[in-house]
C-alpha atoms as a PDB file:
ATOM      1  CA  MET A   1      87.630  98.751 130.031  1.00  0.00           C
ATOM      2  CA  ALA A   2      84.465  99.020 132.100  1.00  0.00           C
ATOM      3  CA  VAL A   3      82.402  97.363 129.378  1.00  0.00           C
ATOM      4  CA  LYS A   4      84.824  94.460 129.097  1.00  0.00           C
ATOM      5  CA  GLN A   5      84.687  93.901 132.853  1.00  0.00           C
ATOM      6  CA  GLU A   6      80.882  94.050 132.805  1.00  0.00           C
ATOM      7  CA  ILE A   7      80.710  91.480 130.019  1.00  0.00           C
ATOM      8  CA  LEU A   8      83.095  89.170 131.859  1.00  0.00           C
ATOM      9  CA  ALA A   9      81.068  89.505 135.067  1.00  0.00           C
ATOM     10  CA  LEU A  10      77.862  88.690 133.202  1.00  0.00           C
ATOM     11  CA  LEU A  11      79.457  85.716 131.468  1.00  0.00           C
ATOM     12  CA  GLU A  12      80.579  84.278 134.789  1.00  0.00           C
ATOM     13  CA  GLN A  13      76.950  84.246 135.957  1.00  0.00           C
ATOM     14  CA  MET A  14      75.690  82.400 132.861  1.00  0.00           C
ATOM     15  CA  PRO A  15      75.545  78.669 132.306  1.00  0.00           C
ATOM     16  CA  GLU A  16      77.809  77.357 129.558  1.00  0.00           C
ATOM     17  CA  PRO A  17      75.067  77.067 126.886  1.00  0.00           C
ATOM     18  CA  LEU A  18      74.347  80.797 127.240  1.00  0.00           C
ATOM     19  CA  GLN A  19      78.058  81.579 127.195  1.00  0.00           C
ATOM     20  CA  LYS A  20      78.268  79.756 123.846  1.00  0.00           C
ATOM     21  CA  GLU A  21      75.415  81.886 122.504  1.00  0.00           C
ATOM     22  CA  VAL A  22      77.254  85.045 123.568  1.00  0.00           C
ATOM     23  CA  ALA A  23      80.421  83.790 121.847  1.00  0.00           C
ATOM     24  CA  ASP A  24      78.450  83.021 118.673  1.00  0.00           C
ATOM     25  CA  PHE A  25      76.910  86.491 118.713  1.00  0.00           C
ATOM     26  CA  ALA A  26      80.316  88.133 119.242  1.00  0.00           C
ATOM     27  CA  ARG A  27      81.693  86.202 116.237  1.00  0.00           C
ATOM     28  CA  PHE A  28      78.671  87.317 114.195  1.00  0.00           C
ATOM     29  CA  LEU A  29      79.314  90.963 115.094  1.00  0.00           C
ATOM     30  CA  LEU A  30      82.975  90.668 114.078  1.00  0.00           C
ATOM     31  CA  GLU A  31      82.076  89.109 110.724  1.00  0.00           C
ATOM     32  CA  LYS A  32      79.451  91.786 110.140  1.00  0.00           C
ATOM     33  CA  LYS A  33      82.015  94.521 110.824  1.00  0.00           C
ATOM     34  CA  ARG A  34      84.534  92.889 108.459  1.00  0.00           C
ATOM     35  CA  GLY A  35      81.887  92.644 105.752  1.00  0.00           C
ATOM     36  CA  GLU A  36      81.010  96.322 106.144  1.00  0.00           C
ATOM     37  CA  GLU A  37      84.691  97.281 105.947  1.00  0.00           C
ATOM     38  CA  LEU A  38      85.127  95.243 102.759  1.00  0.00           C
ATOM     39  CA  ALA A  39      82.047  96.872 101.257  1.00  0.00           C
ATOM     40  CA  TRP A  40      83.455 100.342 101.991  1.00  0.00           C
ATOM     41  CA  GLN A  41      86.808  99.370 100.490  1.00  0.00           C
ATOM     42  CA  ALA A  42      85.106  98.174  97.316  1.00  0.00           C
ATOM     43  CA  LEU A  43      83.057 101.361  97.144  1.00  0.00           C
ATOM     44  CA  SER A  44      86.169 103.484  97.644  1.00  0.00           C
ATOM     45  CA  LEU A  45      87.955 101.655  94.842  1.00  0.00           C
ATOM     46  CA  ALA A  46      84.951 101.997  92.560  1.00  0.00           C
ATOM     47  CA  GLN A  47      84.817 105.724  93.253  1.00  0.00           C
ATOM     48  CA  ALA A  48      88.559 106.088  92.691  1.00  0.00           C
ATOM     49  CA  ILE A  49      88.431 104.568  89.212  1.00  0.00           C
ATOM     50  CA  ARG A  50      85.117 106.140  88.219  1.00  0.00           C
ATOM     51  CA  GLY A  51      85.448 108.041  84.996  1.00  0.00           C
ATOM     52  CA  LEU A  52      88.712 106.438  83.943  1.00  0.00           C
ATOM     53  CA  PRO A  53      88.723 105.127  80.401  1.00  0.00           C
ATOM     54  CA  GLU A  54      88.373 101.378  80.120  1.00  0.00           C
ATOM     55  CA  GLU A  55      91.535  99.981  78.619  1.00  0.00           C
ATOM     56  CA  ASP A  56      92.913  96.512  78.322  1.00  0.00           C
ATOM     57  CA  TYR A  57      96.322  96.148  79.889  1.00  0.00           C
ATOM     58  CA  THR A  58      98.766  93.328  79.402  1.00  0.00           C
ATOM     59  CA  GLU A  59     100.905  91.917  82.155  1.00  0.00           C
ATOM     60  CA  GLU A  60     103.854  93.733  80.612  1.00  0.00           C
ATOM     61  CA  ASP A  61     102.022  97.064  80.952  1.00  0.00           C
ATOM     62  CA  LEU A  62     101.585  96.479  84.666  1.00  0.00           C
ATOM     63  CA  LYS A  63     105.241  95.767  85.430  1.00  0.00           C
ATOM     64  CA  GLU A  64     107.098  98.627  87.009  1.00  0.00           C
ATOM     65  CA  ARG A  65     109.950  99.894  84.940  1.00  0.00           C
ATOM     66  CA  TRP A  66     113.130 101.349  86.413  1.00  0.00           C
END
């Protein structure tokens, strides 16, 4: 938690306009990380279905049968 404490200490020394910029940048970093995770998920799915024959399925085909 040393980094968190350092960030908090730095924030306390900044005027509010700079604190807002830090908050905006932190939100940007979180959105960037989420976007990268979504891109990897899409790539993983694309790789998983690569080479499968393309078939049209109906809703009935997709229902699980017991």
